[in-house]
Amino acid sequence: TRPQFSINGEFNQSVQIYIDGKLVDTVTVTDRNQVYQPVAPLGDGSHSIYYVITDKAGNTATSKTLDFSIDTSNKTPVVIEAIDGHTLAEMTGSDGKIYITDTTHNIIFRGSAEPDSLMDLTINGLNVGQVWVSQTGEWQMPVNSVYLSQGLLEIKIKSTDRGGNVNEKSYSIWVDTMIEDFTSELDDNKSSSQNDWWSNNTLITMRGLGEAGATVSLVLAGVTLATTVVAANGQWALSTDQLPEGKYDITLSIEDNAGNRREENREIFIDRAAPVAPAITYSDIVDDLVIMKGTGEAKSKLTITDSEGNIYTLTVPDNGNWSMAIPYPSEGKFTISSTDRIGNTSDVVSVDLIKEIPTISLAVDSNSGSKDDNITHDKQPTFIIGNLESDIVNVQIDINGMAYNAEKRADGVWFFTPDTALADGTYTISVTANDAAGNQKNSLPITVTID
């Protein structure tokens, strides 16, 4: 504010000094390199100075007028207004940070500062460009994308006016041009292939890896069913109970704070319905084997479990018809069920068969005479029923067309003794054995003579 001005004159000449047209001082030339410095500070703005010199003879001369400016400050805000045509507000992500998302070309920075000042732009301490601010206070500068590495950029813009005054401002700007990692998988996937998603759960859960802080969304037919934010460790999980049964396409999308997006399309199959219980349409017992044919859900897994805990499985063919042979189990009992490819299990069907054909014979004490002729003089003979399976619950004796119920002794042997004496004669006798499931087996008839 008190600049120095040189005075070129002869020794002992008187110099009148005019600043802004006003006489402000009178000095005498005493030095070849004499300078003048105003006593009072000058204000910011445009000024002028000239001299009127008088020699000893009284002659005067006036110097040329020197126009100059006093500029002691650079107070015009230094601002980045836009990057690559986008305002900073438009570039601000959901987390409040400013993001550059495209560095495939040179990036244009645009802003404002003091007119006619020199603008410097540094990125992470490196000066990447310099440009003069226009007379209207606007500036723009292209920056080579090589300086825009992924991550945080500490950017500083500095305005230096003609007076050497400096004004500067710093910005923290992030470069984030892509989502590098995004994976997804289905919890409890019933498919053997990770690419196929099968589930029978009501609450479907998906999880995977992604960019920390990004938002993952599950979309079905344009409707967002669930969202979640990727945790700091890069893991995410979301659940929904809004997926109906059927097969359809879903979209899992991830969007980071910078606005970058990435999607994965998946086909998912939801089936919560149990398959129809398998049916046995034919069964026979041949040489201690149970031969069966039946129907079931195509491609389902048929499981047969016998009373001894043995398990037999097969896959139902595409036509739904199956056949199988298993060893005859104890008491002829086994269960059969069907599990579809997604893990739903049908109702369990219990099966109870009878293989053994019962026999009937005279008890030793009732068989008089020859033991092989079925002739006895005992009018109330006892008959022993043999070859019965352990789950038999009822045995009927047929004597010449009349039915009687046999009894079971404490030792498990079934027997029958008529309540009344049988008349002499020949009788045809047979046995019918019944189990709890209603199965029946008939013996071969025998002929017994009472004499």
Protein backbone atom coordinates (compact mmCIF):
# COMPACT_ATOMS: atom_id res chain seq x y z
CA THR A 1 0.00 0.00 0.00
CA ARG A 2 3.10 2.28 0.09
CA PRO A 3 4.88 1.38 -3.14
CA GLN A 4 8.22 2.97 -4.00
CA PHE A 5 8.69 5.08 -7.15
CA SER A 6 12.03 6.11 -8.69
CA ILE A 7 12.85 9.82 -9.30
CA ASN A 8 15.20 10.78 -12.12
CA GLY A 9 16.28 14.39 -11.79
CA GLU A 10 19.23 16.70 -11.22
CA PHE A 11 20.69 17.25 -7.81
CA ASN A 12 18.95 19.85 -5.67
CA GLN A 13 15.92 20.02 -7.98
CA SER A 14 12.56 20.33 -6.27
CA VAL A 15 10.04 17.62 -7.09
CA GLN A 16 6.34 17.97 -6.45
CA ILE A 17 4.57 14.62 -6.28
CA TYR A 18 0.95 14.28 -7.40
CA ILE A 19 -0.99 11.11 -6.65
CA ASP A 20 -4.44 10.74 -8.11
CA GLY A 21 -4.16 14.40 -9.24
CA LYS A 22 -3.46 15.75 -5.79
CA LEU A 23 -0.20 17.23 -4.52
CA VAL A 24 0.82 14.96 -1.72
CA ASP A 25 4.46 15.80 -1.13
CA THR A 26 7.51 17.87 -2.22
CA VAL A 27 11.02 16.43 -2.07
CA THR A 28 14.53 17.53 -3.17
CA VAL A 29 16.67 15.30 -5.36
CA THR A 30 19.71 14.31 -3.33
CA ASP A 31 20.56 10.90 -4.79
CA ARG A 32 20.99 9.56 -8.29
CA ASN A 33 18.90 6.49 -7.31
CA GLN A 34 16.38 8.43 -5.30
CA VAL A 35 13.01 6.83 -4.64
CA TYR A 36 9.78 8.10 -3.27
CA GLN A 37 7.45 6.20 -0.96
CA PRO A 38 4.06 7.65 -0.01
CA VAL A 39 3.73 8.52 3.63
CA ALA A 40 0.09 7.44 3.84
CA PRO A 41 -1.00 3.98 2.67
CA LEU A 42 -2.93 3.88 -0.57
CA GLY A 43 -6.21 2.03 -0.78
CA ASP A 44 -6.88 -0.91 -3.09
CA GLY A 45 -7.79 0.14 -6.58
CA SER A 46 -6.47 2.18 -9.54
CA HIS A 47 -4.15 5.12 -8.95
CA SER A 48 -1.92 7.52 -10.89
CA ILE A 49 1.28 9.44 -10.11
CA TYR A 50 3.28 12.18 -11.81
CA TYR A 51 6.02 14.66 -10.88
CA VAL A 52 6.51 18.40 -11.42
CA ILE A 53 10.26 19.25 -11.28
CA THR A 54 11.60 22.81 -10.70
CA ASP A 55 15.30 23.70 -11.14
CA LYS A 56 17.22 26.55 -9.49
CA ALA A 57 16.36 28.92 -12.33
CA GLY A 58 12.66 28.29 -11.77
CA ASN A 59 12.14 26.19 -14.85
CA THR A 60 9.52 23.43 -14.48
CA ALA A 61 8.86 20.13 -16.22
CA THR A 62 6.08 17.60 -15.76
CA SER A 63 6.69 13.83 -15.99
CA LYS A 64 4.45 11.38 -17.73
CA THR A 65 1.62 10.02 -15.65
CA LEU A 66 2.09 6.47 -14.39
CA ASP A 67 -1.08 4.50 -13.81
CA PHE A 68 -0.84 1.69 -11.28
CA SER A 69 -3.06 -0.51 -9.13
CA ILE A 70 -2.96 -1.45 -5.49
CA ASP A 71 -4.19 -5.02 -4.86
CA THR A 72 -3.61 -6.33 -1.38
CA SER A 73 -6.04 -9.28 -1.33
CA ASN A 74 -7.55 -12.10 -3.37
CA LYS A 75 -10.93 -12.55 -1.77
CA THR A 76 -12.96 -13.86 -4.70
CA PRO A 77 -14.00 -17.42 -3.80
CA VAL A 78 -12.00 -20.12 -5.56
CA VAL A 79 -14.50 -22.77 -6.62
CA ILE A 80 -14.79 -25.97 -8.67
CA GLU A 81 -18.29 -25.72 -10.06
CA ALA A 82 -18.41 -28.72 -12.37
CA ILE A 83 -16.37 -31.71 -13.48
CA ASP A 84 -16.92 -33.06 -16.96
CA GLY A 85 -20.16 -31.13 -17.26
CA HIS A 86 -21.66 -32.37 -14.00
CA THR A 87 -22.15 -30.15 -10.99
CA LEU A 88 -20.63 -31.30 -7.72
CA ALA A 89 -24.14 -31.79 -6.37
CA GLU A 90 -24.86 -34.18 -9.22
CA MET A 91 -21.63 -36.03 -8.47
CA THR A 92 -22.29 -36.37 -4.75
CA GLY A 93 -23.02 -39.96 -3.74
CA SER A 94 -25.39 -41.32 -1.15
CA ASP A 95 -22.62 -41.11 1.45
CA GLY A 96 -22.03 -37.40 0.84
CA LYS A 97 -18.75 -37.90 -1.03
CA ILE A 98 -18.01 -36.46 -4.47
CA TYR A 99 -17.32 -39.17 -7.05
CA ILE A 100 -15.79 -39.27 -10.53
CA THR A 101 -17.17 -42.40 -12.19
CA ASP A 102 -15.75 -42.16 -15.73
CA THR A 103 -12.05 -41.75 -16.52
CA THR A 104 -12.02 -43.09 -20.06
CA HIS A 105 -11.11 -39.62 -21.37
CA ASN A 106 -9.53 -36.37 -20.21
CA ILE A 107 -11.66 -34.70 -17.54
CA ILE A 108 -12.64 -31.01 -17.76
CA PHE A 109 -12.63 -29.09 -14.48
CA ARG A 110 -14.59 -25.84 -14.52
CA GLY A 111 -15.00 -23.15 -11.90
CA SER A 112 -14.67 -19.51 -10.88
CA ALA A 113 -12.03 -17.30 -9.23
CA GLU A 114 -10.72 -13.74 -9.27
CA PRO A 115 -10.67 -12.43 -12.85
CA ASP A 116 -7.27 -12.37 -14.53
CA SER A 117 -5.67 -14.50 -11.82
CA LEU A 118 -3.53 -17.54 -12.52
CA MET A 119 -5.18 -20.83 -11.55
CA ASP A 120 -3.11 -23.87 -10.49
CA LEU A 121 -4.64 -27.32 -9.95
CA THR A 122 -2.81 -30.00 -7.96
CA ILE A 123 -3.84 -33.61 -7.36
CA ASN A 124 -2.28 -35.41 -4.42
CA GLY A 125 0.47 -32.77 -4.33
CA LEU A 126 1.25 -32.91 -8.06
CA ASN A 127 0.59 -29.83 -10.20
CA VAL A 128 -1.39 -31.11 -13.16
CA GLY A 129 -2.35 -27.86 -14.88
CA GLN A 130 -2.33 -24.06 -14.97
CA VAL A 131 -4.69 -21.64 -16.66
CA TRP A 132 -5.59 -17.93 -16.59
CA VAL A 133 -8.98 -16.96 -15.24
CA SER A 134 -11.06 -14.99 -17.74
CA GLN A 135 -12.08 -11.37 -17.23
CA THR A 136 -15.50 -12.65 -16.20
CA GLY A 137 -14.00 -14.82 -13.47
CA GLU A 138 -14.46 -18.19 -15.16
CA TRP A 139 -11.87 -20.88 -15.77
CA GLN A 140 -11.72 -24.41 -17.10
CA MET A 141 -8.89 -26.87 -17.33
CA PRO A 142 -8.54 -30.31 -18.94
CA VAL A 143 -6.83 -32.92 -16.76
CA ASN A 144 -5.30 -36.05 -18.20
CA SER A 145 -7.07 -39.12 -16.83
CA VAL A 146 -3.69 -40.66 -16.02
CA TYR A 147 -3.72 -38.50 -12.88
CA LEU A 148 -7.15 -39.81 -11.82
CA SER A 149 -6.31 -43.09 -10.13
CA GLN A 150 -8.93 -45.12 -8.30
CA GLY A 151 -9.55 -43.98 -4.76
CA LEU A 152 -9.25 -40.71 -2.90
CA LEU A 153 -7.87 -37.64 -4.68
CA GLU A 154 -6.82 -34.62 -2.62
CA ILE A 155 -7.39 -31.77 -5.06
CA LYS A 156 -6.29 -28.17 -4.44
CA ILE A 157 -7.03 -25.18 -6.64
CA LYS A 158 -5.00 -21.99 -6.14
CA SER A 159 -5.67 -18.54 -7.60
CA THR A 160 -2.73 -16.08 -7.75
CA ASP A 161 -3.73 -12.59 -8.84
CA ARG A 162 -1.52 -10.02 -10.58
CA GLY A 163 -0.58 -8.58 -7.23
CA GLY A 164 0.71 -11.96 -6.06
CA ASN A 165 -2.16 -12.46 -3.64
CA VAL A 166 -3.23 -16.07 -3.24
CA ASN A 167 -6.60 -17.69 -2.56
CA GLU A 168 -6.99 -21.45 -2.54
CA LYS A 169 -9.40 -24.23 -1.69
CA SER A 170 -9.10 -27.99 -1.22
CA TYR A 171 -11.50 -30.74 -2.25
CA SER A 172 -11.60 -34.45 -1.42
CA ILE A 173 -12.88 -36.28 -4.49
CA TRP A 174 -13.08 -40.03 -5.00
CA VAL A 175 -12.54 -41.86 -8.28
CA ASP A 176 -14.80 -44.92 -8.40
CA THR A 177 -15.53 -46.15 -11.90
CA MET A 178 -16.76 -49.70 -11.30
CA ILE A 179 -17.92 -52.39 -8.92
CA GLU A 180 -15.20 -54.99 -9.09
CA ASP A 181 -16.63 -57.73 -6.89
CA PHE A 182 -20.18 -59.01 -6.76
CA THR A 183 -21.09 -62.62 -6.04
CA SER A 184 -24.31 -64.29 -4.97
CA GLU A 185 -25.44 -67.68 -3.76
CA LEU A 186 -28.61 -69.22 -2.39
CA ASP A 187 -28.69 -70.52 1.16
CA ASP A 188 -29.75 -74.16 1.42
CA ASN A 189 -29.71 -74.58 -2.36
CA LYS A 190 -31.40 -77.87 -3.18
CA SER A 191 -29.80 -78.05 -6.62
CA SER A 192 -26.52 -79.87 -7.13
CA SER A 193 -25.43 -77.02 -9.41
CA GLN A 194 -24.55 -73.61 -7.98
CA ASN A 195 -25.90 -72.06 -11.18
CA ASP A 196 -29.37 -73.51 -10.55
CA TRP A 197 -31.27 -72.15 -7.58
CA TRP A 198 -33.88 -74.46 -6.03
CA SER A 199 -35.57 -73.95 -2.70
CA ASN A 200 -38.53 -75.20 -0.70
CA ASN A 201 -38.13 -72.69 2.13
CA THR A 202 -40.66 -70.03 2.98
CA LEU A 203 -37.95 -67.55 3.94
CA ILE A 204 -35.47 -67.40 1.08
CA THR A 205 -31.99 -66.13 1.99
CA MET A 206 -29.29 -65.07 -0.46
CA ARG A 207 -25.78 -63.93 0.36
CA GLY A 208 -22.48 -63.06 -1.27
CA LEU A 209 -19.64 -60.55 -1.58
CA GLY A 210 -19.71 -56.96 -2.76
CA GLU A 211 -18.30 -53.48 -2.31
CA ALA A 212 -18.55 -52.29 1.28
CA GLY A 213 -21.30 -49.72 1.73
CA ALA A 214 -23.03 -50.59 -1.55
CA THR A 215 -26.74 -51.45 -1.64
CA VAL A 216 -27.85 -54.87 -2.88
CA SER A 217 -31.44 -55.25 -4.10
CA LEU A 218 -33.58 -58.26 -5.00
CA VAL A 219 -35.93 -57.45 -7.88
CA LEU A 220 -38.75 -59.58 -9.31
CA ALA A 221 -40.70 -58.32 -12.33
CA GLY A 222 -39.54 -54.78 -11.69
CA VAL A 223 -40.57 -54.82 -8.02
CA THR A 224 -37.90 -54.58 -5.33
CA LEU A 225 -38.59 -57.26 -2.73
CA ALA A 226 -35.64 -56.71 -0.39
CA THR A 227 -32.52 -54.57 0.02
CA THR A 228 -29.44 -54.66 2.21
CA VAL A 229 -26.16 -52.78 2.61
CA VAL A 230 -22.85 -54.59 2.15
CA ALA A 231 -21.00 -54.77 5.46
CA ALA A 232 -17.52 -53.39 6.05
CA ASN A 233 -16.07 -56.88 5.57
CA GLY A 234 -17.58 -57.05 2.07
CA GLN A 235 -20.28 -59.58 2.94
CA TRP A 236 -24.01 -59.17 2.37
CA ALA A 237 -27.15 -61.20 2.99
CA LEU A 238 -30.83 -60.56 2.42
CA SER A 239 -34.00 -62.55 3.00
CA THR A 240 -37.54 -62.46 1.67
CA ASP A 241 -40.73 -64.44 2.17
CA GLN A 242 -42.38 -62.85 -0.87
CA LEU A 243 -41.23 -65.32 -3.52
CA PRO A 244 -44.18 -67.44 -4.68
CA GLU A 245 -43.95 -71.00 -5.90
CA GLY A 246 -42.85 -71.52 -9.47
CA LYS A 247 -39.90 -70.91 -11.74
CA TYR A 248 -38.98 -67.38 -12.75
CA ASP A 249 -36.12 -64.93 -13.24
CA ILE A 250 -34.92 -62.64 -10.48
CA THR A 251 -32.35 -59.84 -10.60
CA LEU A 252 -29.80 -59.10 -7.91
CA SER A 253 -28.37 -55.61 -8.37
CA ILE A 254 -25.67 -53.76 -6.49
CA GLU A 255 -25.21 -49.99 -6.51
CA ASP A 256 -22.29 -48.35 -4.75
CA ASN A 257 -22.20 -44.90 -3.21
CA ALA A 258 -20.77 -43.48 -6.44
CA GLY A 259 -23.77 -44.71 -8.43
CA ASN A 260 -22.00 -47.55 -10.23
CA ARG A 261 -24.30 -50.52 -10.84
CA ARG A 262 -23.89 -54.18 -11.56
CA GLU A 263 -26.49 -56.92 -11.95
CA GLU A 264 -26.78 -60.68 -11.84
CA ASN A 265 -29.79 -62.45 -13.31
CA ARG A 266 -30.79 -65.77 -11.78
CA GLU A 267 -33.46 -68.35 -12.49
CA ILE A 268 -34.96 -69.61 -9.26
CA PHE A 269 -37.33 -72.51 -8.72
CA ILE A 270 -39.53 -72.48 -5.60
CA ASP A 271 -41.47 -75.64 -4.72
CA ARG A 272 -42.89 -76.08 -1.24
CA ALA A 273 -45.54 -78.72 -2.06
CA ALA A 274 -44.98 -82.31 -0.99
CA PRO A 275 -45.15 -84.88 -3.80
CA VAL A 276 -48.05 -87.28 -4.01
CA ALA A 277 -47.37 -90.37 -1.94
CA PRO A 278 -46.20 -93.31 -4.06
CA ALA A 279 -48.70 -96.04 -4.80
CA ILE A 280 -48.12 -99.78 -5.14
CA THR A 281 -50.17 -101.09 -8.03
CA TYR A 282 -48.87 -104.66 -7.94
CA SER A 283 -47.05 -106.82 -5.42
CA ASP A 284 -46.11 -110.47 -5.15
CA ILE A 285 -43.83 -112.59 -3.02
CA VAL A 286 -41.51 -114.89 -4.90
CA ASP A 287 -38.67 -116.82 -3.29
CA ASP A 288 -38.40 -114.52 -0.28
CA LEU A 289 -38.49 -111.44 -2.51
CA VAL A 290 -41.22 -108.82 -2.54
CA ILE A 291 -41.82 -107.86 -6.17
CA MET A 292 -43.53 -104.47 -6.52
CA LYS A 293 -44.68 -102.10 -9.20
CA GLY A 294 -46.18 -98.68 -8.64
CA THR A 295 -46.48 -95.02 -9.51
CA GLY A 296 -44.84 -91.88 -8.13
CA GLU A 297 -43.71 -88.36 -9.01
CA ALA A 298 -41.28 -88.42 -11.92
CA LYS A 299 -37.63 -87.96 -10.90
CA SER A 300 -38.48 -88.20 -7.22
CA LYS A 301 -36.47 -90.44 -4.93
CA LEU A 302 -38.37 -93.45 -3.64
CA THR A 303 -37.29 -94.71 -0.21
CA ILE A 304 -38.35 -98.07 1.21
CA THR A 305 -37.51 -98.82 4.83
CA ASP A 306 -38.27 -102.27 6.21
CA SER A 307 -39.05 -103.25 9.78
CA GLU A 308 -35.42 -104.20 10.35
CA GLY A 309 -34.13 -100.75 9.35
CA ASN A 310 -32.87 -101.71 5.91
CA ILE A 311 -33.25 -98.92 3.36
CA TYR A 312 -33.73 -99.28 -0.38
CA THR A 313 -33.95 -96.39 -2.84
CA LEU A 314 -34.62 -95.75 -6.48
CA THR A 315 -35.36 -92.78 -8.74
CA VAL A 316 -38.79 -92.77 -10.34
CA PRO A 317 -38.47 -92.69 -14.16
CA ASP A 318 -39.82 -89.81 -16.22
CA ASN A 319 -43.03 -91.74 -16.95
CA GLY A 320 -43.80 -92.04 -13.23
CA ASN A 321 -43.87 -95.86 -13.23
CA TRP A 322 -41.44 -97.76 -11.04
CA SER A 323 -40.66 -101.34 -10.08
CA MET A 324 -38.51 -102.84 -7.38
CA ALA A 325 -37.71 -106.06 -5.55
CA ILE A 326 -36.60 -106.23 -1.91
CA PRO A 327 -35.96 -109.12 0.47
CA TYR A 328 -39.07 -110.07 2.39
CA PRO A 329 -38.79 -108.26 5.75
CA SER A 330 -39.70 -109.49 9.18
CA GLU A 331 -43.50 -109.66 9.54
CA GLY A 332 -43.75 -108.38 5.96
CA LYS A 333 -43.71 -104.76 7.09
CA PHE A 334 -42.08 -101.78 5.41
CA THR A 335 -42.75 -98.13 4.62
CA ILE A 336 -42.44 -96.28 1.36
CA SER A 337 -42.18 -92.54 0.71
CA SER A 338 -41.17 -90.16 -2.04
CA THR A 339 -38.83 -87.16 -1.89
CA ASP A 340 -38.86 -84.77 -4.83
CA ARG A 341 -35.70 -83.25 -6.27
CA ILE A 342 -36.09 -80.13 -4.16
CA GLY A 343 -36.37 -82.01 -0.86
CA ASN A 344 -40.12 -82.13 -0.21
CA THR A 345 -41.23 -85.48 1.21
CA SER A 346 -44.56 -87.18 0.67
CA ASP A 347 -46.70 -88.84 3.29
CA VAL A 348 -45.28 -92.17 4.41
CA VAL A 349 -47.19 -95.22 3.19
CA SER A 350 -47.08 -98.28 5.45
CA VAL A 351 -47.17 -101.70 3.82
CA ASP A 352 -47.84 -104.99 5.59
CA LEU A 353 -47.69 -108.29 3.68
CA ILE A 354 -48.07 -111.96 4.57
CA LYS A 355 -45.77 -114.47 2.98
CA GLU A 356 -46.15 -117.60 5.10
CA ILE A 357 -48.96 -120.11 4.39
CA PRO A 358 -50.34 -121.43 7.68
CA THR A 359 -50.55 -125.13 8.46
CA ILE A 360 -52.92 -127.14 10.66
CA SER A 361 -52.40 -130.53 12.24
CA LEU A 362 -53.65 -132.69 15.11
CA ALA A 363 -51.89 -132.10 18.38
CA VAL A 364 -49.71 -135.00 19.45
CA ASP A 365 -51.98 -135.79 22.39
CA SER A 366 -55.03 -135.81 20.16
CA ASN A 367 -53.60 -137.93 17.38
CA SER A 368 -54.34 -141.55 18.34
CA GLY A 369 -53.18 -144.44 16.29
CA SER A 370 -50.85 -143.74 13.39
CA LYS A 371 -49.39 -140.26 13.47
CA ASP A 372 -49.67 -139.79 9.71
CA ASP A 373 -53.25 -140.84 8.95
CA ASN A 374 -55.15 -137.95 10.63
CA ILE A 375 -57.48 -140.53 12.23
CA THR A 376 -58.30 -140.14 15.91
CA HIS A 377 -60.81 -141.49 18.39
CA ASP A 378 -60.71 -138.17 20.32
CA LYS A 379 -64.07 -136.48 19.74
CA GLN A 380 -62.70 -133.11 20.93
CA PRO A 381 -59.26 -133.14 19.39
CA THR A 382 -56.85 -130.20 19.66
CA PHE A 383 -55.48 -128.72 16.46
CA ILE A 384 -52.16 -126.87 16.26
CA ILE A 385 -51.81 -124.03 13.73
CA GLY A 386 -48.25 -123.52 12.54
CA ASN A 387 -46.10 -121.48 10.15
CA LEU A 388 -47.62 -118.19 11.29
CA GLU A 389 -45.89 -114.83 11.15
CA SER A 390 -45.46 -113.08 14.49
CA ASP A 391 -47.87 -110.25 13.70
CA ILE A 392 -50.89 -112.52 13.16
CA VAL A 393 -53.79 -111.28 15.28
CA ASN A 394 -56.60 -113.68 14.37
CA VAL A 395 -56.82 -117.28 13.20
CA GLN A 396 -60.04 -118.92 12.04
CA ILE A 397 -60.62 -122.65 11.72
CA ASP A 398 -63.05 -123.87 9.09
CA ILE A 399 -64.54 -127.31 9.83
CA ASN A 400 -66.85 -128.48 7.11
CA GLY A 401 -67.86 -124.88 6.43
CA MET A 402 -68.30 -123.85 10.05
CA ALA A 403 -65.90 -121.13 11.28
CA TYR A 404 -64.34 -121.10 14.73
CA ASN A 405 -61.75 -118.79 16.30
CA ALA A 406 -58.46 -120.28 17.39
CA GLU A 407 -56.66 -119.20 20.56
CA LYS A 408 -53.09 -118.25 21.29
CA ARG A 409 -51.20 -119.83 24.16
CA ALA A 410 -48.75 -117.96 26.35
CA ASP A 411 -45.87 -119.52 24.43
CA GLY A 412 -47.23 -117.98 21.22
CA VAL A 413 -48.64 -121.18 19.71
CA TRP A 414 -52.08 -120.96 18.15
CA PHE A 415 -54.48 -123.86 18.80
CA PHE A 416 -58.13 -124.87 18.60
CA THR A 417 -60.18 -127.38 20.56
CA PRO A 418 -63.91 -127.81 19.77
CA ASP A 419 -66.23 -126.90 22.60
CA THR A 420 -68.50 -129.85 21.78
CA ALA A 421 -67.72 -133.37 20.71
CA LEU A 422 -67.48 -134.06 17.01
CA ALA A 423 -69.55 -136.92 15.65
CA ASP A 424 -67.81 -139.81 14.00
CA GLY A 425 -67.02 -139.06 10.43
CA THR A 426 -64.64 -137.31 8.10
CA TYR A 427 -64.04 -133.55 8.29
CA THR A 428 -62.38 -131.09 5.92
CA ILE A 429 -60.46 -128.52 7.94
CA SER A 430 -58.59 -125.38 6.85
CA VAL A 431 -57.15 -122.26 8.49
CA THR A 432 -57.27 -118.55 7.66
CA ALA A 433 -54.61 -116.33 9.29
CA ASN A 434 -55.21 -112.55 9.54
CA ASP A 435 -52.72 -109.83 10.46
CA ALA A 436 -53.46 -106.34 11.81
CA ALA A 437 -53.32 -104.83 8.32
CA GLY A 438 -56.14 -107.09 7.14
CA ASN A 439 -53.95 -109.41 5.09
CA GLN A 440 -55.06 -113.03 4.95
CA LYS A 441 -53.38 -116.32 4.18
CA ASN A 442 -55.27 -119.60 3.80
CA SER A 443 -53.82 -122.98 4.58
CA LEU A 444 -54.18 -126.02 2.43
CA PRO A 445 -57.12 -128.10 3.68
CA ILE A 446 -56.59 -131.36 5.53
CA THR A 447 -58.97 -134.28 6.07
CA VAL A 448 -59.45 -135.57 9.62
CA THR A 449 -61.48 -138.65 10.57
CA ILE A 450 -63.15 -139.09 13.95
CA ASP A 451 -63.56 -142.78 14.69
